[in-house]
């Protein structure tokens, strides 16, 4: 029968892309391509930030947590990719960007 799982796998995928936020600039291009590669063998843990040397990282971004606005209401379609999930974000995004932040950090409406 169907039932809850007794275990799970938490997986994070990281892919190299260009700068997503304009104000962060571009990653430092110094160093060789080989220095920027981190290779993992099957079952090997991802190294912590302090174990990765000579990797050009972009500058941090600034986020503002918002309690007045919610990306999705509790029990609604927030957990899926739906066009209706984007409209509630526009006003909050405009407000935080005009205050100098890169993006909104939406909090869970369940706890507000």
PDB file of N, CA and C in Angstrom:
ATOM      1  N   UNK A   1       0.806  -1.188   0.000  1.00  0.00           N
ATOM      2  CA  UNK A   1       0.000   0.000   0.000  1.00  0.00           C
ATOM      3  C   UNK A   1       0.855   1.259   0.000  1.00  0.00           C
ATOM      4  N   UNK A   2       0.184   2.360  -0.036  1.00  0.00           N
ATOM      5  CA  UNK A   2       0.840   3.665  -0.038  1.00  0.00           C
ATOM      6  C   UNK A   2       0.945   4.172   1.392  1.00  0.00           C
ATOM      7  N   UNK A   3       2.106   4.696   1.749  1.00  0.00           N
ATOM      8  CA  UNK A   3       2.312   5.232   3.088  1.00  0.00           C
ATOM      9  C   UNK A   3       3.470   6.195   3.094  1.00  0.00           C
ATOM     10  N   UNK A   4       3.717   6.833   4.224  1.00  0.00           N
ATOM     11  CA  UNK A   4       4.829   7.786   4.294  1.00  0.00           C
ATOM     12  C   UNK A   4       6.170   7.064   4.175  1.00  0.00           C
ATOM     13  N   UNK A   5       7.126   7.739   3.617  1.00  0.00           N
ATOM     14  CA  UNK A   5       8.464   7.186   3.450  1.00  0.00           C
ATOM     15  C   UNK A   5       9.218   7.220   4.774  1.00  0.00           C
ATOM     16  N   UNK A   6      10.059   6.233   4.990  1.00  0.00           N
ATOM     17  CA  UNK A   6      10.867   6.206   6.213  1.00  0.00           C
ATOM     18  C   UNK A   6      12.194   6.934   6.027  1.00  0.00           C
ATOM     19  N   UNK A   7      12.510   7.322   4.788  1.00  0.00           N
ATOM     20  CA  UNK A   7      13.739   8.062   4.520  1.00  0.00           C
ATOM     21  C   UNK A   7      13.541   8.964   3.307  1.00  0.00           C
ATOM     22  N   UNK A   8      14.446   9.898   3.145  1.00  0.00           N
ATOM     23  CA  UNK A   8      14.385  10.802   2.000  1.00  0.00           C
ATOM     24  C   UNK A   8      15.803  11.214   1.636  1.00  0.00           C
ATOM     25  N   UNK A   9      15.937  11.807   0.470  1.00  0.00           N
ATOM     26  CA  UNK A   9      17.224  12.339   0.025  1.00  0.00           C
ATOM     27  C   UNK A   9      17.069  13.826  -0.212  1.00  0.00           C
ATOM     28  N   UNK A  10      17.851  14.629   0.469  1.00  0.00           N
ATOM     29  CA  UNK A  10      17.866  16.071   0.242  1.00  0.00           C
ATOM     30  C   UNK A  10      18.957  16.348  -0.767  1.00  0.00           C
ATOM     31  N   UNK A  11      18.599  16.974  -1.864  1.00  0.00           N
ATOM     32  CA  UNK A  11      19.555  17.182  -2.948  1.00  0.00           C
ATOM     33  C   UNK A  11      19.502  18.634  -3.405  1.00  0.00           C
ATOM     34  N   UNK A  12      20.654  19.254  -3.549  1.00  0.00           N
ATOM     35  CA  UNK A  12      20.750  20.625  -4.048  1.00  0.00           C
ATOM     36  C   UNK A  12      21.556  20.589  -5.335  1.00  0.00           C
ATOM     37  N   UNK A  13      21.001  21.155  -6.403  1.00  0.00           N
ATOM     38  CA  UNK A  13      21.708  21.229  -7.676  1.00  0.00           C
ATOM     39  C   UNK A  13      22.262  22.631  -7.854  1.00  0.00           C
ATOM     40  N   UNK A  14      23.512  22.740  -8.189  1.00  0.00           N
ATOM     41  CA  UNK A  14      24.152  24.023  -8.454  1.00  0.00           C
ATOM     42  C   UNK A  14      24.656  24.007  -9.887  1.00  0.00           C
ATOM     43  N   UNK A  15      24.331  25.052 -10.621  1.00  0.00           N
ATOM     44  CA  UNK A  15      24.801  25.126 -11.998  1.00  0.00           C
ATOM     45  C   UNK A  15      25.429  26.485 -12.244  1.00  0.00           C
ATOM     46  N   UNK A  16      26.479  26.531 -13.033  1.00  0.00           N
ATOM     47  CA  UNK A  16      27.112  27.826 -13.328  1.00  0.00           C
ATOM     48  C   UNK A  16      26.249  28.639 -14.288  1.00  0.00           C
ATOM     49  N   UNK A  17      25.930  29.842 -13.895  1.00  0.00           N
ATOM     50  CA  UNK A  17      25.141  30.746 -14.733  1.00  0.00           C
ATOM     51  C   UNK A  17      25.730  32.145 -14.613  1.00  0.00           C
ATOM     52  N   UNK A  18      25.265  33.031 -15.444  1.00  0.00           N
ATOM     53  CA  UNK A  18      25.684  34.423 -15.344  1.00  0.00           C
ATOM     54  C   UNK A  18      25.053  35.075 -14.129  1.00  0.00           C
ATOM     55  N   UNK A  19      25.400  36.308 -13.897  1.00  0.00           N
ATOM     56  CA  UNK A  19      24.871  37.040 -12.758  1.00  0.00           C
ATOM     57  C   UNK A  19      23.365  37.234 -12.909  1.00  0.00           C
ATOM     58  N   UNK A  20      22.598  36.799 -11.920  1.00  0.00           N
ATOM     59  CA  UNK A  20      21.143  36.917 -11.952  1.00  0.00           C
ATOM     60  C   UNK A  20      20.707  38.308 -11.501  1.00  0.00           C
ATOM     61  N   UNK A  21      21.423  38.872 -10.541  1.00  0.00           N
ATOM     62  CA  UNK A  21      21.103  40.189 -10.019  1.00  0.00           C
ATOM     63  C   UNK A  21      22.081  41.208 -10.584  1.00  0.00           C
ATOM     64  N   UNK A  22      21.571  42.269 -11.216  1.00  0.00           N
ATOM     65  CA  UNK A  22      22.423  43.266 -11.861  1.00  0.00           C
ATOM     66  C   UNK A  22      23.397  43.921 -10.890  1.00  0.00           C
ATOM     67  N   UNK A  23      22.978  44.204  -9.675  1.00  0.00           N
ATOM     68  CA  UNK A  23      23.824  44.951  -8.745  1.00  0.00           C
ATOM     69  C   UNK A  23      24.961  44.122  -8.162  1.00  0.00           C
ATOM     70  N   UNK A  24      24.985  42.820  -8.384  1.00  0.00           N
ATOM     71  CA  UNK A  24      26.059  42.010  -7.819  1.00  0.00           C
ATOM     72  C   UNK A  24      27.287  41.995  -8.700  1.00  0.00           C
ATOM     73  N   UNK A  25      27.183  42.455  -9.918  1.00  0.00           N
ATOM     74  CA  UNK A  25      28.333  42.446 -10.814  1.00  0.00           C
ATOM     75  C   UNK A  25      28.626  41.059 -11.328  1.00  0.00           C
ATOM     76  N   UNK A  26      29.797  40.899 -11.917  1.00  0.00           N
ATOM     77  CA  UNK A  26      30.180  39.609 -12.487  1.00  0.00           C
ATOM     78  C   UNK A  26      31.203  38.932 -11.590  1.00  0.00           C
ATOM     79  N   UNK A  27      31.198  37.602 -11.569  1.00  0.00           N
ATOM     80  CA  UNK A  27      32.227  36.901 -10.798  1.00  0.00           C
ATOM     81  C   UNK A  27      33.611  37.260 -11.320  1.00  0.00           C
ATOM     82  N   UNK A  28      34.575  37.224 -10.442  1.00  0.00           N
ATOM     83  CA  UNK A  28      35.955  37.522 -10.799  1.00  0.00           C
ATOM     84  C   UNK A  28      36.446  36.502 -11.823  1.00  0.00           C
ATOM     85  N   UNK A  29      37.012  36.962 -12.921  1.00  0.00           N
ATOM     86  CA  UNK A  29      37.467  36.070 -13.985  1.00  0.00           C
ATOM     87  C   UNK A  29      38.898  35.601 -13.798  1.00  0.00           C
ATOM     88  N   UNK A  30      39.570  36.020 -12.734  1.00  0.00           N
ATOM     89  CA  UNK A  30      40.966  35.629 -12.538  1.00  0.00           C
ATOM     90  C   UNK A  30      41.064  34.150 -12.196  1.00  0.00           C
ATOM     91  N   UNK A  31      42.166  33.546 -12.566  1.00  0.00           N
ATOM     92  CA  UNK A  31      42.379  32.130 -12.280  1.00  0.00           C
ATOM     93  C   UNK A  31      42.002  31.280 -13.477  1.00  0.00           C
ATOM     94  N   UNK A  32      42.399  30.052 -13.435  1.00  0.00           N
ATOM     95  CA  UNK A  32      42.121  29.154 -14.553  1.00  0.00           C
ATOM     96  C   UNK A  32      40.757  28.505 -14.400  1.00  0.00           C
ATOM     97  N   UNK A  33      40.265  27.946 -15.490  1.00  0.00           N
ATOM     98  CA  UNK A  33      38.996  27.228 -15.436  1.00  0.00           C
ATOM     99  C   UNK A  33      39.097  26.035 -14.496  1.00  0.00           C
ATOM    100  N   UNK A  34      40.249  25.397 -14.456  1.00  0.00           N
ATOM    101  CA  UNK A  34      40.422  24.226 -13.599  1.00  0.00           C
ATOM    102  C   UNK A  34      40.244  24.581 -12.125  1.00  0.00           C
ATOM    103  N   UNK A  35      40.652  25.782 -11.729  1.00  0.00           N
ATOM    104  CA  UNK A  35      40.540  26.191 -10.328  1.00  0.00           C
ATOM    105  C   UNK A  35      39.090  26.384  -9.920  1.00  0.00           C
ATOM    106  N   UNK A  36      38.201  26.646 -10.881  1.00  0.00           N
ATOM    107  CA  UNK A  36      36.798  26.890 -10.574  1.00  0.00           C
ATOM    108  C   UNK A  36      35.959  25.616 -10.534  1.00  0.00           C
ATOM    109  N   UNK A  37      36.542  24.471 -10.814  1.00  0.00           N
ATOM    110  CA  UNK A  37      35.780  23.230 -10.866  1.00  0.00           C
ATOM    111  C   UNK A  37      35.882  22.484  -9.544  1.00  0.00           C
ATOM    112  N   UNK A  38      34.743  21.981  -9.087  1.00  0.00           N
ATOM    113  CA  UNK A  38      34.704  21.126  -7.907  1.00  0.00           C
ATOM    114  C   UNK A  38      34.075  19.820  -8.364  1.00  0.00           C
ATOM    115  N   UNK A  39      34.810  18.731  -8.312  1.00  0.00           N
ATOM    116  CA  UNK A  39      34.324  17.438  -8.780  1.00  0.00           C
ATOM    117  C   UNK A  39      34.033  16.547  -7.586  1.00  0.00           C
ATOM    118  N   UNK A  40      32.860  15.924  -7.590  1.00  0.00           N
ATOM    119  CA  UNK A  40      32.476  15.022  -6.509  1.00  0.00           C
ATOM    120  C   UNK A  40      32.329  13.609  -7.053  1.00  0.00           C
ATOM    121  N   UNK A  41      32.793  12.651  -6.304  1.00  0.00           N
ATOM    122  CA  UNK A  41      32.590  11.244  -6.639  1.00  0.00           C
ATOM    123  C   UNK A  41      31.262  10.809  -6.033  1.00  0.00           C
ATOM    124  N   UNK A  42      30.685   9.732  -6.535  1.00  0.00           N
ATOM    125  CA  UNK A  42      29.409   9.233  -6.027  1.00  0.00           C
ATOM    126  C   UNK A  42      29.494   9.009  -4.516  1.00  0.00           C
ATOM    127  N   UNK A  43      28.550   9.567  -3.790  1.00  0.00           N
ATOM    128  CA  UNK A  43      28.497   9.416  -2.343  1.00  0.00           C
ATOM    129  C   UNK A  43      29.354  10.396  -1.567  1.00  0.00           C
ATOM    130  N   UNK A  44      30.141  11.208  -2.262  1.00  0.00           N
ATOM    131  CA  UNK A  44      31.018  12.174  -1.596  1.00  0.00           C
ATOM    132  C   UNK A  44      30.218  13.423  -1.229  1.00  0.00           C
ATOM    133  N   UNK A  45      30.459  13.957  -0.051  1.00  0.00           N
ATOM    134  CA  UNK A  45      29.736  15.145   0.406  1.00  0.00           C
ATOM    135  C   UNK A  45      30.263  16.395  -0.278  1.00  0.00           C
ATOM    136  N   UNK A  46      29.384  17.355  -0.483  1.00  0.00           N
ATOM    137  CA  UNK A  46      29.777  18.642  -1.044  1.00  0.00           C
ATOM    138  C   UNK A  46      30.692  19.341  -0.048  1.00  0.00           C
ATOM    139  N   UNK A  47      31.824  19.866  -0.480  1.00  0.00           N
ATOM    140  CA  UNK A  47      32.739  20.533   0.454  1.00  0.00           C
ATOM    141  C   UNK A  47      32.122  21.810   1.011  1.00  0.00           C
ATOM    142  N   UNK A  48      32.508  22.147   2.235  1.00  0.00           N
ATOM    143  CA  UNK A  48      32.019  23.393   2.814  1.00  0.00           C
ATOM    144  C   UNK A  48      32.704  24.558   2.116  1.00  0.00           C
ATOM    145  N   UNK A  49      32.176  25.748   2.312  1.00  0.00           N
ATOM    146  CA  UNK A  49      32.715  26.944   1.657  1.00  0.00           C
ATOM    147  C   UNK A  49      34.206  27.120   1.954  1.00  0.00           C
ATOM    148  N   UNK A  50      34.610  26.824   3.188  1.00  0.00           N
ATOM    149  CA  UNK A  50      36.010  27.033   3.554  1.00  0.00           C
ATOM    150  C   UNK A  50      36.944  26.017   2.892  1.00  0.00           C
ATOM    151  N   UNK A  51      36.412  24.900   2.389  1.00  0.00           N
ATOM    152  CA  UNK A  51      37.246  23.899   1.734  1.00  0.00           C
ATOM    153  C   UNK A  51      37.443  24.181   0.250  1.00  0.00           C
ATOM    154  N   UNK A  52      36.672  25.089  -0.301  1.00  0.00           N
ATOM    155  CA  UNK A  52      36.779  25.418  -1.720  1.00  0.00           C
ATOM    156  C   UNK A  52      37.682  26.630  -1.852  1.00  0.00           C
ATOM    157  N   UNK A  53      38.822  26.450  -2.480  1.00  0.00           N
ATOM    158  CA  UNK A  53      39.767  27.548  -2.663  1.00  0.00           C
ATOM    159  C   UNK A  53      39.830  27.935  -4.130  1.00  0.00           C
ATOM    160  N   UNK A  54      40.198  29.167  -4.375  1.00  0.00           N
ATOM    161  CA  UNK A  54      40.388  29.682  -5.732  1.00  0.00           C
ATOM    162  C   UNK A  54      39.130  29.604  -6.590  1.00  0.00           C
ATOM    163  N   UNK A  55      37.963  29.698  -5.972  1.00  0.00           N
ATOM    164  CA  UNK A  55      36.715  29.713  -6.730  1.00  0.00           C
ATOM    165  C   UNK A  55      36.165  31.127  -6.674  1.00  0.00           C
ATOM    166  N   UNK A  56      35.936  31.721  -7.830  1.00  0.00           N
ATOM    167  CA  UNK A  56      35.428  33.089  -7.888  1.00  0.00           C
ATOM    168  C   UNK A  56      33.937  33.078  -7.590  1.00  0.00           C
ATOM    169  N   UNK A  57      33.545  33.713  -6.508  1.00  0.00           N
ATOM    170  CA  UNK A  57      32.138  33.783  -6.131  1.00  0.00           C
ATOM    171  C   UNK A  57      31.623  35.197  -6.345  1.00  0.00           C
ATOM    172  N   UNK A  58      30.364  35.337  -6.766  1.00  0.00           N
ATOM    173  CA  UNK A  58      29.806  36.678  -6.928  1.00  0.00           C
ATOM    174  C   UNK A  58      29.577  37.315  -5.562  1.00  0.00           C
ATOM    175  N   UNK A  59      29.479  38.634  -5.504  1.00  0.00           N
ATOM    176  CA  UNK A  59      29.198  39.302  -4.233  1.00  0.00           C
ATOM    177  C   UNK A  59      27.827  38.883  -3.695  1.00  0.00           C
ATOM    178  N   UNK A  60      27.595  39.012  -2.399  1.00  0.00           N
ATOM    179  CA  UNK A  60      26.290  38.640  -1.839  1.00  0.00           C
ATOM    180  C   UNK A  60      25.192  39.584  -2.305  1.00  0.00           C
ATOM    181  N   UNK A  61      23.959  39.136  -2.158  1.00  0.00           N
ATOM    182  CA  UNK A  61      22.807  39.977  -2.491  1.00  0.00           C
ATOM    183  C   UNK A  61      22.133  40.403  -1.192  1.00  0.00           C
ATOM    184  N   UNK A  62      21.260  41.406  -1.283  1.00  0.00           N
ATOM    185  CA  UNK A  62      20.528  41.863  -0.101  1.00  0.00           C
ATOM    186  C   UNK A  62      19.052  41.512  -0.264  1.00  0.00           C
ATOM    187  N   UNK A  63      18.485  40.929   0.782  1.00  0.00           N
ATOM    188  CA  UNK A  63      17.079  40.531   0.789  1.00  0.00           C
ATOM    189  C   UNK A  63      16.354  41.259   1.904  1.00  0.00           C
ATOM    190  N   UNK A  64      15.082  41.535   1.699  1.00  0.00           N
ATOM    191  CA  UNK A  64      14.256  42.093   2.777  1.00  0.00           C
ATOM    192  C   UNK A  64      13.103  41.129   3.031  1.00  0.00           C
ATOM    193  N   UNK A  65      12.983  40.684   4.276  1.00  0.00           N
ATOM    194  CA  UNK A  65      11.878  39.803   4.658  1.00  0.00           C
ATOM    195  C   UNK A  65      10.605  40.629   4.775  1.00  0.00           C
ATOM    196  N   UNK A  66       9.522  40.121   4.221  1.00  0.00           N
ATOM    197  CA  UNK A  66       8.247  40.845   4.221  1.00  0.00           C
ATOM    198  C   UNK A  66       7.184  40.039   4.959  1.00  0.00           C
ATOM    199  N   UNK A  67       6.550  40.658   5.954  1.00  0.00           N
ATOM    200  CA  UNK A  67       5.430  40.016   6.643  1.00  0.00           C
ATOM    201  C   UNK A  67       4.095  40.526   6.116  1.00  0.00           C
ATOM    202  N   UNK A  68       4.101  41.716   5.496  1.00  0.00           N
ATOM    203  CA  UNK A  68       2.847  42.300   4.995  1.00  0.00           C
ATOM    204  C   UNK A  68       2.365  41.654   3.704  1.00  0.00           C
ATOM    205  N   UNK A  69       3.272  41.080   2.931  1.00  0.00           N
ATOM    206  CA  UNK A  69       2.923  40.475   1.648  1.00  0.00           C
ATOM    207  C   UNK A  69       3.259  38.991   1.685  1.00  0.00           C
ATOM    208  N   UNK A  70       2.453  38.204   1.003  1.00  0.00           N
ATOM    209  CA  UNK A  70       2.701  36.764   0.920  1.00  0.00           C
ATOM    210  C   UNK A  70       2.716  36.341  -0.536  1.00  0.00           C
ATOM    211  N   UNK A  71       3.643  35.463  -0.863  1.00  0.00           N
ATOM    212  CA  UNK A  71       3.726  34.955  -2.231  1.00  0.00           C
ATOM    213  C   UNK A  71       2.551  34.033  -2.526  1.00  0.00           C
ATOM    214  N   UNK A  72       2.119  33.275  -1.536  1.00  0.00           N
ATOM    215  CA  UNK A  72       0.984  32.365  -1.709  1.00  0.00           C
ATOM    216  C   UNK A  72       0.277  32.188  -0.373  1.00  0.00           C
ATOM    217  N   UNK A  73      -1.042  32.027  -0.431  1.00  0.00           N
ATOM    218  CA  UNK A  73      -1.822  31.816   0.782  1.00  0.00           C
ATOM    219  C   UNK A  73      -1.690  30.364   1.236  1.00  0.00           C
ATOM    220  N   UNK A  74      -1.845  30.154   2.527  1.00  0.00           N
ATOM    221  CA  UNK A  74      -1.748  28.804   3.078  1.00  0.00           C
ATOM    222  C   UNK A  74      -2.788  27.884   2.435  1.00  0.00           C
ATOM    223  N   UNK A  75      -2.353  26.706   2.029  1.00  0.00           N
ATOM    224  CA  UNK A  75      -3.259  25.723   1.449  1.00  0.00           C
ATOM    225  C   UNK A  75      -3.609  25.968  -0.011  1.00  0.00           C
ATOM    226  N   UNK A  76      -2.995  26.951  -0.632  1.00  0.00           N
ATOM    227  CA  UNK A  76      -3.319  27.268  -2.027  1.00  0.00           C
ATOM    228  C   UNK A  76      -2.237  26.714  -2.962  1.00  0.00           C
ATOM    229  N   UNK A  77      -2.005  27.377  -4.082  1.00  0.00           N
ATOM    230  CA  UNK A  77      -1.136  26.825  -5.129  1.00  0.00           C
ATOM    231  C   UNK A  77       0.327  27.249  -5.019  1.00  0.00           C
ATOM    232  N   UNK A  78       0.793  27.672  -3.878  1.00  0.00           N
ATOM    233  CA  UNK A  78       2.174  28.127  -3.728  1.00  0.00           C
ATOM    234  C   UNK A  78       3.226  27.068  -3.975  1.00  0.00           C
ATOM    235  N   UNK A  79       2.871  25.809  -3.805  1.00  0.00           N
ATOM    236  CA  UNK A  79       3.829  24.735  -3.986  1.00  0.00           C
ATOM    237  C   UNK A  79       3.973  24.245  -5.412  1.00  0.00           C
ATOM    238  N   UNK A  80       3.238  24.856  -6.340  1.00  0.00           N
ATOM    239  CA  UNK A  80       3.325  24.442  -7.741  1.00  0.00           C
ATOM    240  C   UNK A  80       3.651  25.638  -8.621  1.00  0.00           C
ATOM    241  N   UNK A  81       4.082  25.382  -9.834  1.00  0.00           N
ATOM    242  CA  UNK A  81       4.391  26.441 -10.797  1.00  0.00           C
ATOM    243  C   UNK A  81       3.079  26.826 -11.481  1.00  0.00           C
ATOM    244  N   UNK A  82       2.503  27.947 -11.072  1.00  0.00           N
ATOM    245  CA  UNK A  82       1.237  28.405 -11.648  1.00  0.00           C
ATOM    246  C   UNK A  82       1.325  29.899 -11.920  1.00  0.00           C
ATOM    247  N   UNK A  83       0.744  30.342 -13.020  1.00  0.00           N
ATOM    248  CA  UNK A  83       0.845  31.759 -13.393  1.00  0.00           C
ATOM    249  C   UNK A  83       0.247  32.678 -12.335  1.00  0.00           C
ATOM    250  N   UNK A  84      -0.754  32.234 -11.631  1.00  0.00           N
ATOM    251  CA  UNK A  84      -1.387  33.046 -10.596  1.00  0.00           C
ATOM    252  C   UNK A  84      -0.516  33.280  -9.378  1.00  0.00           C
ATOM    253  N   UNK A  85       0.580  32.547  -9.255  1.00  0.00           N
ATOM    254  CA  UNK A  85       1.472  32.717  -8.105  1.00  0.00           C
ATOM    255  C   UNK A  85       2.398  33.916  -8.243  1.00  0.00           C
ATOM    256  N   UNK A  86       2.483  34.503  -9.422  1.00  0.00           N
ATOM    257  CA  UNK A  86       3.429  35.595  -9.646  1.00  0.00           C
ATOM    258  C   UNK A  86       2.851  36.968  -9.302  1.00  0.00           C
ATOM    259  N   UNK A  87       1.589  37.200  -9.574  1.00  0.00           N
ATOM    260  CA  UNK A  87       0.985  38.522  -9.376  1.00  0.00           C
ATOM    261  C   UNK A  87       1.141  39.066  -7.955  1.00  0.00           C
ATOM    262  N   UNK A  88       0.964  38.267  -6.903  1.00  0.00           N
ATOM    263  CA  UNK A  88       1.109  38.812  -5.549  1.00  0.00           C
ATOM    264  C   UNK A  88       2.515  39.327  -5.227  1.00  0.00           C
ATOM    265  N   UNK A  89       3.493  38.961  -6.020  1.00  0.00           N
ATOM    266  CA  UNK A  89       4.887  39.339  -5.747  1.00  0.00           C
ATOM    267  C   UNK A  89       5.258  40.720  -6.275  1.00  0.00           C
ATOM    268  N   UNK A  90       4.538  41.223  -7.262  1.00  0.00           N
ATOM    269  CA  UNK A  90       4.953  42.443  -7.950  1.00  0.00           C
ATOM    270  C   UNK A  90       5.041  43.667  -7.039  1.00  0.00           C
ATOM    271  N   UNK A  91       4.027  43.904  -6.221  1.00  0.00           N
ATOM    272  CA  UNK A  91       4.024  45.093  -5.365  1.00  0.00           C
ATOM    273  C   UNK A  91       5.155  45.027  -4.331  1.00  0.00           C
ATOM    274  N   UNK A  92       5.314  43.885  -3.691  1.00  0.00           N
ATOM    275  CA  UNK A  92       6.378  43.731  -2.692  1.00  0.00           C
ATOM    276  C   UNK A  92       7.751  43.871  -3.335  1.00  0.00           C
ATOM    277  N   UNK A  93       7.925  43.296  -4.513  1.00  0.00           N
ATOM    278  CA  UNK A  93       9.205  43.373  -5.216  1.00  0.00           C
ATOM    279  C   UNK A  93       9.551  44.815  -5.570  1.00  0.00           C
ATOM    280  N   UNK A  94       8.578  45.559  -6.061  1.00  0.00           N
ATOM    281  CA  UNK A  94       8.803  46.965  -6.414  1.00  0.00           C
ATOM    282  C   UNK A  94       9.193  47.765  -5.173  1.00  0.00           C
ATOM    283  N   UNK A  95       8.520  47.497  -4.060  1.00  0.00           N
ATOM    284  CA  UNK A  95       8.787  48.219  -2.811  1.00  0.00           C
ATOM    285  C   UNK A  95      10.205  47.971  -2.294  1.00  0.00           C
ATOM    286  N   UNK A  96      10.637  46.709  -2.256  1.00  0.00           N
ATOM    287  CA  UNK A  96      11.965  46.427  -1.705  1.00  0.00           C
ATOM    288  C   UNK A  96      13.076  46.883  -2.648  1.00  0.00           C
ATOM    289  N   UNK A  97      12.847  46.811  -3.953  1.00  0.00           N
ATOM    290  CA  UNK A  97      13.867  47.269  -4.903  1.00  0.00           C
ATOM    291  C   UNK A  97      14.032  48.785  -4.832  1.00  0.00           C
ATOM    292  N   UNK A  98      12.925  49.513  -4.602  1.00  0.00           N
ATOM    293  CA  UNK A  98      13.038  50.968  -4.466  1.00  0.00           C
ATOM    294  C   UNK A  98      13.747  51.349  -3.168  1.00  0.00           C
ATOM    295  N   UNK A  99      13.772  50.430  -2.188  1.00  0.00           N
ATOM    296  CA  UNK A  99      14.489  50.663  -0.929  1.00  0.00           C
ATOM    297  C   UNK A  99      15.947  50.206  -1.015  1.00  0.00           C
ATOM    298  N   UNK A 100      16.375  49.716  -2.195  1.00  0.00           N
ATOM    299  CA  UNK A 100      17.772  49.347  -2.388  1.00  0.00           C
ATOM    300  C   UNK A 100      18.110  47.880  -2.199  1.00  0.00           C
ATOM    301  N   UNK A 101      17.105  47.033  -2.013  1.00  0.00           N
ATOM    302  CA  UNK A 101      17.353  45.598  -1.853  1.00  0.00           C
ATOM    303  C   UNK A 101      17.274  44.908  -3.211  1.00  0.00           C
ATOM    304  N   UNK A 102      17.889  43.719  -3.321  1.00  0.00           N
ATOM    305  CA  UNK A 102      17.846  42.964  -4.569  1.00  0.00           C
ATOM    306  C   UNK A 102      16.533  42.221  -4.763  1.00  0.00           C
ATOM    307  N   UNK A 103      15.991  41.676  -3.682  1.00  0.00           N
ATOM    308  CA  UNK A 103      14.819  40.814  -3.823  1.00  0.00           C
ATOM    309  C   UNK A 103      14.090  40.685  -2.493  1.00  0.00           C
ATOM    310  N   UNK A 104      12.852  40.189  -2.565  1.00  0.00           N
ATOM    311  CA  UNK A 104      12.016  39.948  -1.388  1.00  0.00           C
ATOM    312  C   UNK A 104      12.279  38.538  -0.859  1.00  0.00           C
ATOM    313  N   UNK A 105      12.334  38.402   0.446  1.00  0.00           N
ATOM    314  CA  UNK A 105      12.355  37.093   1.079  1.00  0.00           C
ATOM    315  C   UNK A 105      10.968  36.912   1.683  1.00  0.00           C
ATOM    316  N   UNK A 106      10.123  36.126   1.013  1.00  0.00           N
ATOM    317  CA  UNK A 106       8.759  35.917   1.492  1.00  0.00           C
ATOM    318  C   UNK A 106       8.763  34.916   2.631  1.00  0.00           C
ATOM    319  N   UNK A 107       8.025  35.225   3.685  1.00  0.00           N
ATOM    320  CA  UNK A 107       7.903  34.343   4.838  1.00  0.00           C
ATOM    321  C   UNK A 107       6.667  33.474   4.664  1.00  0.00           C
ATOM    322  N   UNK A 108       6.587  32.392   5.393  1.00  0.00           N
ATOM    323  CA  UNK A 108       5.461  31.470   5.296  1.00  0.00           C
ATOM    324  C   UNK A 108       4.206  32.127   5.866  1.00  0.00           C
ATOM    325  N   UNK A 109       3.151  32.229   5.066  1.00  0.00           N
ATOM    326  CA  UNK A 109       1.915  32.878   5.514  1.00  0.00           C
ATOM    327  C   UNK A 109       1.253  32.099   6.646  1.00  0.00           C
ATOM    328  N   UNK A 110       1.595  30.842   6.802  1.00  0.00           N
ATOM    329  CA  UNK A 110       1.043  29.998   7.860  1.00  0.00           C
ATOM    330  C   UNK A 110       1.385  30.537   9.245  1.00  0.00           C
ATOM    331  N   UNK A 111       2.538  31.183   9.381  1.00  0.00           N
ATOM    332  CA  UNK A 111       2.998  31.643  10.687  1.00  0.00           C
ATOM    333  C   UNK A 111       2.840  33.141  10.892  1.00  0.00           C
ATOM    334  N   UNK A 112       2.170  33.807   9.994  1.00  0.00           N
ATOM    335  CA  UNK A 112       2.017  35.257  10.103  1.00  0.00           C
ATOM    336  C   UNK A 112       0.745  35.600  10.838  1.00  0.00           C
TER     337      UNK A 112
END
